[in-house]
Amino acid sequence: MFKIIKNCPLCGSVKRSEVIKNSKNIYSYFLSRILNLRENFILRNMENYKCKKCKLIYKKKWLYPKFVEKIYKDYQPTHPGGLNTLKKNFGKKKFIELAKKYIYFHSKKKYEFSDRAKREIIKILNSTNNNKNNYIKFKKKFIEKLVNNDVEYIRNNYSALSNLIDRPKTYSQFSGFKSHEISSYLNKVVNLKSINSYAEVGCPLWGNYNYFKKPWIRQYFVNTNEKNFWKTDKKISNNCLKYLSKRIKVLNKKKLKQIDFVGIYNFLDHLENPLKFFKKEFKDIRFYGIICEDFDLSKKIDCQHFSSWNYKSLIFLSKKIGYTIYHKPLELSNSIYKLYILKKNDEKIKDLKRIIKNV
């Protein structure tokens, strides 16, 4: 069920500096069901190493493909983080719906379903953009009571709390990666007039298509069929791909041609072989925009993520594939994420020639 990862998947080194534990979440629970093993046993076996050479954090043991695929086929076939960017999945109405589900399923002793509603309630509360003291105190007490299954308290208070839920925080899973902050950063880094094509991989609903919505820019979503990720298939009920704008053309990697800019948002940490992805499947790209959860900010690693990336490991990757990281990464405000822009090395030469020409 587990295979040992002997070498760093980025640089090949066997030297490791530390062991980092995984956080318990819904995917560790799914794996306990799939493998018929205790959740804590799975988390211990799938602890993470930090490479001494390139600083990539990666799993010391990983799952065989048939177990990975089972997660995304049988247990979580749709991407909750992507679907949560839809307006219907956030707000007062959704919160009330989830609270009623929690109360109902708990009363029927269907704890798997009541726990699922509980997790969704906590996500909404923690993602609400409300910094007023009355909300913060109310939220804290409500979550404590919810975790302890104080059903009577939940029943008597969910309606009042719902009135304090307004809009989601920027960069929460209910917002995705669309912001003025990212747009301003891209304005400094990329000349949009030189971009003729833009594509994204990963989740169709998380990215920044609107920023690249210009008459001259062709837009694509590239379906990579990555095993360790949610499938993008319109045949699957409530799949994220169904909500993608019709102006965006869906490609598979076999039909991939020259793309000027590719956005990779919260996807890199799912790849077991990142070098293959960049060197074979996406080798002729001018710019990459990469958003990663930063361990130094989040202080956690989830068991479904094969790796965790940082500035040093992305510098190593960029050199390996012939790119340079533009300036420093943008730390996205009040979040656990950083944005990196990788520019193909021959683009630097073109930029220099333009500067000399204009002198």
Protein backbone atom coordinates (compact mmCIF):
# COMPACT_ATOMS: atom_id res chain seq x y z
CA MET A 1 0.00 0.00 0.00
CA PHE A 2 2.97 2.34 0.66
CA LYS A 3 6.09 2.75 -1.43
CA ILE A 4 9.27 4.19 0.03
CA ILE A 5 10.57 7.41 -1.57
CA LYS A 6 14.33 6.90 -1.42
CA ASN A 7 15.46 10.06 -3.23
CA CYS A 8 14.29 13.63 -3.38
CA PRO A 9 11.94 13.86 -6.40
CA LEU A 10 13.41 17.22 -7.37
CA CYS A 11 17.21 16.94 -7.02
CA GLY A 12 17.71 13.19 -6.41
CA SER A 13 19.60 13.64 -3.15
CA VAL A 14 19.24 11.12 -0.31
CA LYS A 15 20.28 13.64 2.36
CA ARG A 16 17.44 14.84 4.58
CA SER A 17 17.43 17.38 7.37
CA GLU A 18 14.22 16.80 9.33
CA VAL A 19 10.95 14.94 9.57
CA ILE A 20 7.69 16.92 9.45
CA LYS A 21 4.37 15.46 10.54
CA ASN A 22 1.09 15.57 8.60
CA SER A 23 -2.10 17.25 9.71
CA LYS A 24 -5.19 15.11 10.22
CA ASN A 25 -7.97 15.99 7.77
CA ILE A 26 -10.77 14.47 5.70
CA TYR A 27 -8.26 12.79 3.36
CA SER A 28 -6.48 10.95 6.17
CA TYR A 29 -9.95 9.76 7.20
CA PHE A 30 -10.67 8.60 3.62
CA LEU A 31 -7.36 6.73 3.55
CA SER A 32 -8.16 4.98 6.83
CA ARG A 33 -11.33 3.70 5.17
CA ILE A 34 -9.61 2.74 1.91
CA LEU A 35 -6.64 0.99 3.54
CA ASN A 36 -8.56 -0.30 6.58
CA LEU A 37 -5.87 1.10 8.87
CA ARG A 38 -5.85 3.49 11.81
CA GLU A 39 -5.64 7.12 10.82
CA ASN A 40 -2.66 7.83 13.10
CA PHE A 41 -0.76 4.88 11.63
CA ILE A 42 -1.26 6.29 8.13
CA LEU A 43 -0.15 9.78 9.18
CA ARG A 44 3.04 8.39 10.77
CA ASN A 45 3.91 6.36 7.68
CA MET A 46 3.34 9.31 5.38
CA GLU A 47 5.46 11.81 7.31
CA ASN A 48 7.55 14.27 5.33
CA TYR A 49 11.28 14.71 4.78
CA LYS A 50 12.97 18.03 4.04
CA CYS A 51 15.74 17.68 1.45
CA LYS A 52 19.10 19.08 2.60
CA LYS A 53 20.14 20.04 -0.92
CA CYS A 54 17.12 21.72 -2.58
CA LYS A 55 14.90 22.18 0.54
CA LEU A 56 11.87 20.50 -1.03
CA ILE A 57 9.58 18.86 1.53
CA TYR A 58 8.26 15.48 0.32
CA LYS A 59 6.61 12.31 1.60
CA LYS A 60 8.92 9.61 2.98
CA LYS A 61 6.32 7.05 1.88
CA TRP A 62 3.66 7.46 -0.77
CA LEU A 63 0.62 5.55 -1.96
CA TYR A 64 0.45 3.27 -4.96
CA PRO A 65 -1.66 4.73 -7.81
CA LYS A 66 -4.68 2.48 -7.26
CA PHE A 67 -5.15 3.88 -3.74
CA VAL A 68 -4.61 7.48 -4.82
CA GLU A 69 -7.16 7.13 -7.60
CA LYS A 70 -9.69 5.64 -5.20
CA ILE A 71 -9.70 8.87 -3.17
CA TYR A 72 -10.65 11.00 -6.17
CA LYS A 73 -12.93 8.47 -7.79
CA ASP A 74 -14.97 6.99 -4.92
CA TYR A 75 -14.59 9.31 -1.92
CA GLN A 76 -14.10 12.86 -3.21
CA PRO A 77 -14.77 12.95 -6.98
CA THR A 78 -15.36 16.72 -7.05
CA HIS A 79 -13.01 19.43 -5.84
CA PRO A 80 -14.67 21.10 -2.82
CA GLY A 81 -12.23 24.02 -2.86
CA GLY A 82 -13.10 24.80 -6.47
CA LEU A 83 -16.84 24.42 -6.07
CA ASN A 84 -16.73 26.61 -2.97
CA THR A 85 -15.84 29.61 -5.15
CA LEU A 86 -19.40 29.49 -6.51
CA LYS A 87 -21.65 32.01 -4.75
CA LYS A 88 -24.21 29.34 -3.81
CA ASN A 89 -21.70 27.61 -1.54
CA PHE A 90 -21.03 30.56 0.76
CA GLY A 91 -23.15 32.91 2.82
CA LYS A 92 -26.01 33.06 5.30
CA LYS A 93 -28.29 30.69 3.38
CA LYS A 94 -25.61 28.00 2.98
CA PHE A 95 -24.59 28.29 6.63
CA ILE A 96 -28.18 27.76 7.80
CA GLU A 97 -28.56 24.79 5.45
CA LEU A 98 -25.40 23.17 6.87
CA ALA A 99 -26.43 23.82 10.49
CA LYS A 100 -29.78 22.12 9.91
CA LYS A 101 -28.02 19.18 8.23
CA TYR A 102 -25.65 18.84 11.18
CA ILE A 103 -28.53 18.81 13.70
CA TYR A 104 -30.54 16.32 11.64
CA PHE A 105 -27.75 13.82 10.96
CA HIS A 106 -26.46 13.99 14.53
CA SER A 107 -29.96 13.23 15.85
CA LYS A 108 -30.12 10.21 13.52
CA LYS A 109 -26.63 9.10 14.70
CA LYS A 110 -25.31 9.36 11.16
CA TYR A 111 -22.05 10.80 12.39
CA GLU A 112 -20.16 10.57 9.12
CA PHE A 113 -22.62 13.04 7.58
CA SER A 114 -22.93 15.27 10.66
CA ASP A 115 -19.11 15.49 10.83
CA ARG A 116 -18.98 16.48 7.18
CA ALA A 117 -21.50 19.28 7.80
CA LYS A 118 -19.49 20.30 10.85
CA ARG A 119 -16.30 20.69 8.78
CA GLU A 120 -18.13 22.80 6.17
CA ILE A 121 -19.62 25.04 8.87
CA ILE A 122 -16.17 25.68 10.37
CA LYS A 123 -14.75 26.46 6.92
CA ILE A 124 -17.41 29.12 6.31
CA LEU A 125 -16.93 30.69 9.75
CA ASN A 126 -13.14 30.82 9.42
CA SER A 127 -13.38 32.19 5.88
CA THR A 128 -15.82 35.01 6.68
CA ASN A 129 -14.37 38.48 6.23
CA ASN A 130 -15.62 39.90 9.52
CA ASN A 131 -13.08 41.24 12.01
CA LYS A 132 -15.53 42.73 14.50
CA ASN A 133 -15.08 41.57 18.09
CA ASN A 134 -18.67 40.41 18.47
CA TYR A 135 -18.30 38.07 15.48
CA ILE A 136 -14.88 36.76 16.55
CA LYS A 137 -16.08 35.92 20.07
CA PHE A 138 -19.36 34.42 18.82
CA LYS A 139 -17.56 32.35 16.18
CA LYS A 140 -15.01 31.01 18.69
CA LYS A 141 -17.69 29.90 21.15
CA PHE A 142 -19.87 28.44 18.38
CA ILE A 143 -17.00 26.35 16.98
CA GLU A 144 -16.08 25.10 20.47
CA LYS A 145 -19.66 23.99 21.06
CA LEU A 146 -19.82 22.44 17.59
CA VAL A 147 -16.61 20.45 18.08
CA ASN A 148 -18.03 19.15 21.39
CA ASN A 149 -21.36 18.33 19.71
CA ASP A 150 -23.43 20.63 21.92
CA VAL A 151 -26.43 20.27 19.61
CA GLU A 152 -28.76 22.32 21.79
CA TYR A 153 -26.43 25.33 21.69
CA ILE A 154 -26.07 25.02 17.90
CA ARG A 155 -29.84 24.81 17.45
CA ASN A 156 -30.41 27.94 19.57
CA ASN A 157 -27.64 30.08 18.07
CA TYR A 158 -27.00 29.27 14.39
CA SER A 159 -29.64 31.72 13.14
CA ALA A 160 -28.16 34.68 15.07
CA LEU A 161 -24.62 33.83 13.91
CA SER A 162 -25.73 33.54 10.28
CA ASN A 163 -26.62 37.27 10.30
CA LEU A 164 -22.93 38.11 10.83
CA ILE A 165 -21.75 36.18 7.75
CA ASP A 166 -21.08 38.56 4.88
CA ARG A 167 -18.45 37.91 2.22
CA PRO A 168 -15.50 35.48 2.10
CA LYS A 169 -11.94 36.49 2.86
CA THR A 170 -9.63 37.05 -0.10
CA TYR A 171 -7.64 33.85 -0.89
CA SER A 172 -9.93 31.65 1.16
CA GLN A 173 -11.19 28.61 -0.73
CA PHE A 174 -14.44 30.50 -1.24
CA SER A 175 -12.61 33.21 -3.21
CA GLY A 176 -9.88 31.47 -5.18
CA PHE A 177 -6.92 33.50 -6.42
CA LYS A 178 -8.53 36.59 -7.88
CA SER A 179 -7.49 39.89 -6.32
CA HIS A 180 -6.33 43.44 -7.02
CA GLU A 181 -3.10 42.54 -5.26
CA ILE A 182 -2.27 39.79 -7.78
CA SER A 183 -3.37 41.95 -10.72
CA SER A 184 -1.10 44.81 -9.58
CA TYR A 185 1.84 42.43 -9.22
CA LEU A 186 1.26 40.94 -12.67
CA ASN A 187 1.11 44.47 -14.14
CA LYS A 188 4.68 45.02 -12.95
CA VAL A 189 5.98 41.67 -14.17
CA VAL A 190 4.23 40.85 -17.43
CA ASN A 191 3.56 42.99 -20.50
CA LEU A 192 0.06 41.84 -21.43
CA LYS A 193 0.46 43.14 -24.97
CA SER A 194 3.13 40.49 -25.54
CA ILE A 195 0.88 37.66 -24.27
CA ASN A 196 -1.18 35.91 -26.94
CA SER A 197 -2.24 32.83 -24.97
CA TYR A 198 -2.94 31.98 -21.35
CA ALA A 199 -3.72 28.60 -19.77
CA GLU A 200 -4.30 27.11 -16.34
CA VAL A 201 -3.87 23.62 -14.92
CA GLY A 202 -5.31 22.09 -11.76
CA CYS A 203 -8.76 23.36 -10.81
CA PRO A 204 -10.75 25.28 -13.47
CA LEU A 205 -12.35 27.56 -10.86
CA TRP A 206 -9.42 28.74 -8.74
CA GLY A 207 -7.42 30.90 -11.09
CA ASN A 208 -7.22 34.33 -12.61
CA TYR A 209 -8.78 34.12 -16.08
CA ASN A 210 -10.40 37.55 -15.75
CA TYR A 211 -7.04 39.33 -15.54
CA PHE A 212 -6.04 37.80 -18.89
CA LYS A 213 -9.42 38.47 -20.49
CA LYS A 214 -8.22 40.57 -23.44
CA PRO A 215 -9.40 40.42 -27.09
CA TRP A 216 -6.00 39.23 -28.31
CA ILE A 217 -5.37 36.59 -25.63
CA ARG A 218 -6.60 33.05 -26.28
CA GLN A 219 -7.53 31.26 -23.06
CA TYR A 220 -7.28 27.56 -22.29
CA PHE A 221 -7.71 25.07 -19.51
CA VAL A 222 -5.32 22.12 -19.79
CA ASN A 223 -6.64 18.80 -18.51
CA THR A 224 -3.54 16.91 -17.34
CA ASN A 225 -5.39 13.86 -15.93
CA GLU A 226 -3.11 13.94 -12.89
CA LYS A 227 -3.86 10.89 -10.71
CA ASN A 228 -3.33 12.72 -7.43
CA PHE A 229 -5.89 15.44 -8.17
CA TRP A 230 -9.60 15.86 -8.72
CA LYS A 231 -10.71 14.85 -12.21
CA THR A 232 -11.96 17.51 -14.61
CA ASP A 233 -14.67 15.69 -16.52
CA LYS A 234 -18.13 17.02 -17.40
CA LYS A 235 -19.50 13.48 -17.12
CA ILE A 236 -18.90 13.62 -13.36
CA SER A 237 -21.83 15.10 -11.46
CA ASN A 238 -21.25 18.68 -10.26
CA ASN A 239 -17.73 18.76 -11.71
CA CYS A 240 -15.85 22.08 -11.65
CA LEU A 241 -15.39 21.96 -15.43
CA LYS A 242 -19.14 22.48 -15.90
CA TYR A 243 -18.85 25.97 -14.43
CA LEU A 244 -15.90 27.10 -16.56
CA SER A 245 -16.66 29.98 -18.93
CA LYS A 246 -17.49 28.86 -22.46
CA ARG A 247 -14.93 31.28 -23.88
CA ILE A 248 -12.16 29.11 -22.41
CA LYS A 249 -11.13 26.18 -24.56
CA VAL A 250 -10.35 22.87 -22.85
CA LEU A 251 -7.24 21.04 -24.09
CA ASN A 252 -5.59 17.82 -23.08
CA LYS A 253 -1.82 17.72 -22.76
CA LYS A 254 -1.42 15.76 -26.02
CA LYS A 255 -2.87 18.69 -27.99
CA LEU A 256 -0.90 21.30 -26.08
CA LYS A 257 0.93 23.79 -28.28
CA GLN A 258 2.94 26.92 -27.50
CA ILE A 259 1.41 28.78 -24.56
CA ASP A 260 2.79 32.14 -23.42
CA PHE A 261 1.69 32.05 -19.78
CA VAL A 262 0.57 29.08 -17.66
CA GLY A 263 -1.00 29.50 -14.23
CA ILE A 264 -0.34 26.69 -11.74
CA TYR A 265 -2.34 27.39 -8.63
CA ASN A 266 -2.20 24.99 -5.65
CA PHE A 267 -1.37 22.11 -7.98
CA LEU A 268 2.40 21.66 -7.84
CA ASP A 269 2.28 20.01 -4.41
CA HIS A 270 0.18 17.16 -5.86
CA LEU A 271 2.80 16.08 -8.43
CA GLU A 272 4.91 13.01 -7.72
CA ASN A 273 7.26 13.80 -10.62
CA PRO A 274 7.48 17.60 -11.02
CA LEU A 275 10.45 17.55 -13.43
CA LYS A 276 8.55 15.37 -15.89
CA PHE A 277 5.65 17.81 -15.78
CA PHE A 278 7.86 20.78 -16.71
CA LYS A 279 10.37 19.15 -19.03
CA LYS A 280 8.05 16.99 -21.12
CA GLU A 281 4.49 18.19 -20.84
CA PHE A 282 5.00 21.94 -20.39
CA LYS A 283 8.41 22.62 -21.86
CA ASP A 284 7.85 25.62 -24.18
CA ILE A 285 6.13 28.08 -21.88
CA ARG A 286 7.36 31.70 -21.65
CA PHE A 287 6.02 32.41 -18.15
CA TYR A 288 4.73 30.36 -15.24
CA GLY A 289 2.65 31.84 -12.46
CA ILE A 290 2.88 29.46 -9.50
CA ILE A 291 0.95 29.78 -6.25
CA CYS A 292 1.94 27.46 -3.41
CA GLU A 293 0.99 27.06 0.21
CA ASP A 294 4.09 28.01 2.20
CA PHE A 295 4.92 25.73 5.13
CA ASP A 296 6.57 28.58 7.06
CA LEU A 297 3.22 30.39 6.98
CA SER A 298 0.80 27.48 7.35
CA LYS A 299 2.86 25.32 9.74
CA LYS A 300 1.10 22.25 8.34
CA ILE A 301 1.26 19.68 5.54
CA ASP A 302 -1.75 17.66 4.46
CA CYS A 303 -1.47 13.95 3.77
CA GLN A 304 -2.91 14.25 0.22
CA HIS A 305 -0.06 16.58 -0.80
CA PHE A 306 2.99 14.73 -2.05
CA SER A 307 5.24 17.74 -1.51
CA SER A 308 5.49 21.26 -0.10
CA TRP A 309 7.37 24.01 -1.95
CA ASN A 310 9.25 27.10 -0.84
CA TYR A 311 11.44 29.83 -2.32
CA LYS A 312 14.63 27.73 -2.25
CA SER A 313 13.07 24.63 -3.81
CA LEU A 314 11.44 26.76 -6.54
CA ILE A 315 14.77 28.48 -7.28
CA PHE A 316 16.28 25.00 -7.73
CA LEU A 317 13.40 23.96 -9.99
CA SER A 318 13.59 27.12 -12.10
CA LYS A 319 17.33 26.68 -12.74
CA LYS A 320 16.81 23.01 -13.57
CA ILE A 321 14.22 23.77 -16.27
CA GLY A 322 15.84 26.94 -17.67
CA TYR A 323 13.84 29.66 -15.94
CA THR A 324 14.47 32.50 -13.51
CA ILE A 325 12.19 33.57 -10.66
CA TYR A 326 11.23 37.20 -11.15
CA HIS A 327 12.41 39.32 -8.20
CA LYS A 328 10.97 37.87 -4.98
CA PRO A 329 7.74 35.94 -4.48
CA LEU A 330 4.64 37.91 -3.57
CA GLU A 331 3.36 36.90 -0.14
CA LEU A 332 -0.40 37.09 -0.57
CA SER A 333 -1.89 39.26 2.17
CA ASN A 334 -3.37 37.55 5.24
CA SER A 335 -2.91 34.11 3.74
CA ILE A 336 -0.62 31.07 3.73
CA TYR A 337 0.22 31.45 0.03
CA LYS A 338 2.98 32.94 -2.11
CA LEU A 339 2.97 33.77 -5.81
CA TYR A 340 6.06 33.10 -7.93
CA ILE A 341 6.60 34.25 -11.52
CA LEU A 342 9.04 32.12 -13.51
CA LYS A 343 10.40 33.63 -16.71
CA LYS A 344 12.08 31.56 -19.44
CA ASN A 345 15.74 32.52 -19.64
CA ASP A 346 15.61 33.61 -23.31
CA GLU A 347 12.86 36.06 -22.26
CA LYS A 348 15.46 37.86 -20.14
CA ILE A 349 17.61 38.31 -23.25
CA LYS A 350 14.63 39.71 -25.16
CA ASP A 351 13.92 42.15 -22.31
CA LEU A 352 17.55 43.33 -22.35
CA LYS A 353 17.45 43.90 -26.11
CA ARG A 354 14.26 45.97 -25.74
CA ILE A 355 15.91 48.10 -23.05
CA ILE A 356 19.03 48.67 -25.18
CA LYS A 357 16.87 49.55 -28.20
CA ASN A 358 14.98 52.17 -26.23
CA VAL A 359 18.13 53.83 -24.78
